[in-house]
C-alpha cells in the first residue's frame, strides 16, 4: 500500500519534470533548434497537423533552421503558421524550402524568456507539491482507517518529503541550466 503510494508519487513527479523539459525545449535560446516548433500546428490538407508530420527540420548552423516540406504545396501554410506564432521569427521561403535565421537575442528579450521559464518551473513545483499533498492525504487515510500505524505513516510521509525535495531540486537545476542557455551570448 505505502510502496504503491510512494511509487505513484515518484512517477507523477518524474512526469512533471519531463513536461517541464518539454516546455523548456519550446523556449528559444540564442541557438537554432527544431524543438521550438514542437507545438506549432499547420493548417494543411483540411486539418491542423504538427510541423514534424509535414517536413524535415534541419539545423545547418547555430543561427539557422531549414524546413524542407515533403509536399511543396504546404510551404505557404508552414510559412504562415511560423509568422502567426509568437516566436518572433522571419521565415524566408524560396519555393523549395524555408530558411529561418535566428537573430541574436537582445538583453531585454533574454530576460523575458528567462521570466517565462521561471513561470514554467514554478508551475512544475506547484504540481510536485500537489502530488505530495495527495500522497500524504492517502497515507493519512490509511492511518485513520487503522490500516497502518502512526510510526509507519510518519516514515512514509518523511519519504514522500524526500521524493518531493529531490524533484524540486531537479526542477531548480533544470531552470539554472536553461538560464545559462538563454543568457549565453
Protein backbone atom coordinates (compact mmCIF):
# COMPACT_ATOMS: atom_id res chain seq x y z
CA UNK A 1 0.00 0.00 0.00
CA UNK A 2 2.56 2.57 1.10
CA UNK A 3 5.03 1.45 -1.55
CA UNK A 4 2.30 1.92 -4.18
CA UNK A 5 1.62 5.45 -2.94
CA UNK A 6 5.34 6.32 -2.96
CA UNK A 7 5.86 4.77 -6.39
CA UNK A 8 2.83 6.60 -7.80
CA UNK A 9 4.02 9.92 -6.37
CA UNK A 10 7.54 9.43 -7.72
CA UNK A 11 6.22 8.53 -11.20
CA UNK A 12 3.98 11.59 -11.32
CA UNK A 13 6.80 13.87 -10.17
CA UNK A 14 9.06 12.47 -12.90
CA UNK A 15 6.33 13.09 -15.48
CA UNK A 16 6.07 16.67 -14.22
CA UNK A 17 9.83 17.10 -14.69
CA UNK A 18 9.59 15.66 -18.22
CA UNK A 19 6.75 18.05 -19.04
CA UNK A 20 8.91 20.93 -17.78
CA UNK A 21 11.76 19.81 -20.05
CA UNK A 22 9.34 19.81 -22.99
CA UNK A 23 8.23 23.36 -22.08
CA UNK A 24 11.85 24.48 -21.84
CA UNK A 25 12.62 22.94 -25.24
CA UNK A 26 9.99 25.20 -26.77
CA UNK A 27 11.64 28.35 -25.43
CA UNK A 28 14.01 29.95 -27.88
CA UNK A 29 17.60 30.46 -26.86
CA UNK A 30 20.32 32.11 -28.90
CA UNK A 31 20.87 28.88 -30.85
CA UNK A 32 18.66 27.47 -33.58
CA UNK A 33 16.80 24.31 -32.55
CA UNK A 34 13.91 22.50 -34.17
CA UNK A 35 12.33 21.86 -30.76
CA UNK A 36 10.80 25.33 -30.76
CA UNK A 37 8.38 24.12 -33.43
CA UNK A 38 7.12 21.13 -31.41
CA UNK A 39 3.86 22.90 -30.55
CA UNK A 40 3.44 24.59 -33.93
CA UNK A 41 0.40 23.33 -35.86
CA UNK A 42 -0.02 23.88 -39.58
CA UNK A 43 -3.32 24.21 -41.44
CA UNK A 44 -2.75 21.67 -44.20
CA UNK A 45 -4.90 19.18 -46.08
CA UNK A 46 -8.04 20.48 -44.40
CA UNK A 47 -6.86 19.83 -40.83
CA UNK A 48 -4.30 21.00 -38.31
CA UNK A 49 -1.09 18.97 -38.30
CA UNK A 50 2.18 19.25 -36.37
CA UNK A 51 5.14 20.50 -38.40
CA UNK A 52 7.09 17.25 -37.91
CA UNK A 53 4.40 15.40 -39.90
CA UNK A 54 4.81 17.72 -42.88
CA UNK A 55 8.52 18.45 -43.15
CA UNK A 56 12.10 17.81 -42.12
CA UNK A 57 13.60 20.42 -39.82
CA UNK A 58 17.37 20.75 -40.12
CA UNK A 59 19.94 22.91 -38.36
CA UNK A 60 22.77 23.65 -40.81
CA UNK A 61 24.44 26.02 -38.32
CA UNK A 62 23.81 27.52 -34.88
CA UNK A 63 21.94 30.54 -36.27
CA UNK A 64 19.77 28.97 -38.99
CA UNK A 65 16.99 26.43 -39.32
CA UNK A 66 15.88 24.92 -42.62
CA UNK A 67 12.41 23.46 -43.06
CA UNK A 68 12.08 21.15 -46.05
CA UNK A 69 8.46 20.07 -46.61
CA UNK A 70 7.80 16.71 -48.22
CA UNK A 71 4.99 18.30 -50.23
CA UNK A 72 5.92 21.71 -51.66
CA UNK A 73 2.25 22.76 -51.67
CA UNK A 74 2.43 23.09 -47.87
CA UNK A 75 5.22 25.71 -47.98
CA UNK A 76 2.85 28.69 -47.77
CA UNK A 77 0.87 27.17 -44.88
CA UNK A 78 4.07 26.44 -42.93
CA UNK A 79 5.37 29.95 -43.53
CA UNK A 80 2.03 31.47 -42.47
CA UNK A 81 1.97 29.41 -39.23
CA UNK A 82 5.52 30.47 -38.33
CA UNK A 83 4.72 34.13 -38.93
CA UNK A 84 1.49 33.87 -36.89
CA UNK A 85 3.30 32.23 -33.95
CA UNK A 86 4.74 34.27 -31.07
CA UNK A 87 8.28 33.07 -31.78
CA UNK A 88 9.40 36.34 -33.35
CA UNK A 89 10.98 34.66 -36.38
CA UNK A 90 11.02 35.75 -40.03
CA UNK A 91 10.91 32.77 -42.41
CA UNK A 92 12.40 33.08 -45.93
CA UNK A 93 10.52 30.95 -48.48
CA UNK A 94 12.45 30.25 -51.70
CA UNK A 95 9.81 27.97 -53.25
CA UNK A 96 11.63 24.76 -52.28
CA UNK A 97 12.31 25.20 -48.56
CA UNK A 98 12.07 27.72 -45.76
CA UNK A 99 15.16 29.20 -44.13
CA UNK A 100 14.76 30.77 -40.73
CA UNK A 101 17.60 32.92 -39.45
CA UNK A 102 17.83 33.21 -35.67
CA UNK A 103 18.86 36.76 -34.87
CA UNK A 104 20.81 37.21 -31.66
CA UNK A 105 18.55 37.83 -28.69
CA UNK A 106 18.53 41.26 -27.08
CA UNK A 107 19.23 41.52 -23.36
CA UNK A 108 15.59 42.51 -22.77
CA UNK A 109 14.29 39.51 -24.73
CA UNK A 110 16.63 37.18 -22.82
CA UNK A 111 15.21 38.46 -19.54
CA UNK A 112 11.63 37.95 -20.82
CA UNK A 113 12.43 34.38 -21.87
CA UNK A 114 14.03 33.62 -18.52
CA UNK A 115 10.98 35.05 -16.74
CA UNK A 116 8.80 32.74 -18.85
CA UNK A 117 10.99 29.76 -17.88
CA UNK A 118 10.78 30.73 -14.21
CA UNK A 119 6.99 30.63 -14.57
CA UNK A 120 7.15 27.15 -16.10
CA UNK A 121 9.42 25.99 -13.27
CA UNK A 122 7.08 27.45 -10.64
CA UNK A 123 4.11 25.65 -12.23
CA UNK A 124 6.10 22.41 -12.11
CA UNK A 125 6.93 22.97 -8.42
CA UNK A 126 3.24 23.59 -7.68
CA UNK A 127 2.38 20.34 -9.46
CA UNK A 128 5.01 18.49 -7.41
CA UNK A 129 3.65 19.95 -4.18
CA UNK A 130 0.11 18.91 -5.19
CA UNK A 131 1.36 15.37 -5.80
CA UNK A 132 2.99 15.44 -2.34
CA UNK A 133 -0.27 16.64 -0.78
CA UNK A 134 -2.25 13.86 -2.47
CA UNK A 135 0.25 11.19 -1.35
CA UNK A 136 0.23 12.50 2.22
CA UNK A 137 -3.58 12.55 2.32
CA UNK A 138 -3.67 8.91 1.12
CA UNK A 139 -1.23 8.00 3.88
CA UNK A 140 -3.37 9.89 6.43
CA UNK A 141 -6.43 7.99 5.21
CA UNK A 142 -4.63 4.68 5.76
CA UNK A 143 -3.63 5.80 9.26
CA UNK A 144 -7.17 6.96 10.10
CA UNK A 145 -8.62 3.68 8.83
CA UNK A 146 -6.15 1.90 11.16
CA UNK A 147 -4.52 0.08 8.21
CA UNK A 148 -1.11 1.42 9.23
CA UNK A 149 0.31 2.71 12.50
CA UNK A 150 1.43 6.24 13.31
CA UNK A 151 5.12 5.35 13.01
CA UNK A 152 4.57 3.87 9.55
CA UNK A 153 2.60 6.93 8.49
CA UNK A 154 5.31 9.27 9.77
CA UNK A 155 8.04 7.29 7.99
CA UNK A 156 6.02 7.21 4.75
CA UNK A 157 5.34 10.95 4.85
CA UNK A 158 9.02 11.57 5.52
CA UNK A 159 9.83 9.51 2.41
CA UNK A 160 7.26 11.50 0.38
CA UNK A 161 9.02 14.69 1.51
CA UNK A 162 12.40 13.31 0.42
CA UNK A 163 10.99 12.43 -3.02
CA UNK A 164 9.47 15.92 -3.25
CA UNK A 165 12.72 17.62 -2.25
CA UNK A 166 14.61 15.65 -4.90
CA UNK A 167 12.04 16.60 -7.57
CA UNK A 168 12.17 20.30 -6.63
CA UNK A 169 15.98 20.17 -6.72
CA UNK A 170 15.88 18.71 -10.25
CA UNK A 171 13.45 21.43 -11.33
CA UNK A 172 15.78 24.11 -9.93
CA UNK A 173 18.76 22.51 -11.70
CA UNK A 174 16.83 22.42 -14.99
CA UNK A 175 15.92 26.09 -14.58
CA UNK A 176 19.54 27.01 -13.85
CA UNK A 177 20.65 25.15 -16.98
CA UNK A 178 18.01 26.87 -19.11
CA UNK A 179 19.01 30.25 -17.66
CA UNK A 180 22.59 29.57 -18.70
CA UNK A 181 21.41 28.70 -22.24
CA UNK A 182 19.27 31.81 -22.51
CA UNK A 183 21.77 34.28 -21.06
CA UNK A 184 24.70 32.87 -23.04
CA UNK A 185 25.67 35.23 -25.85
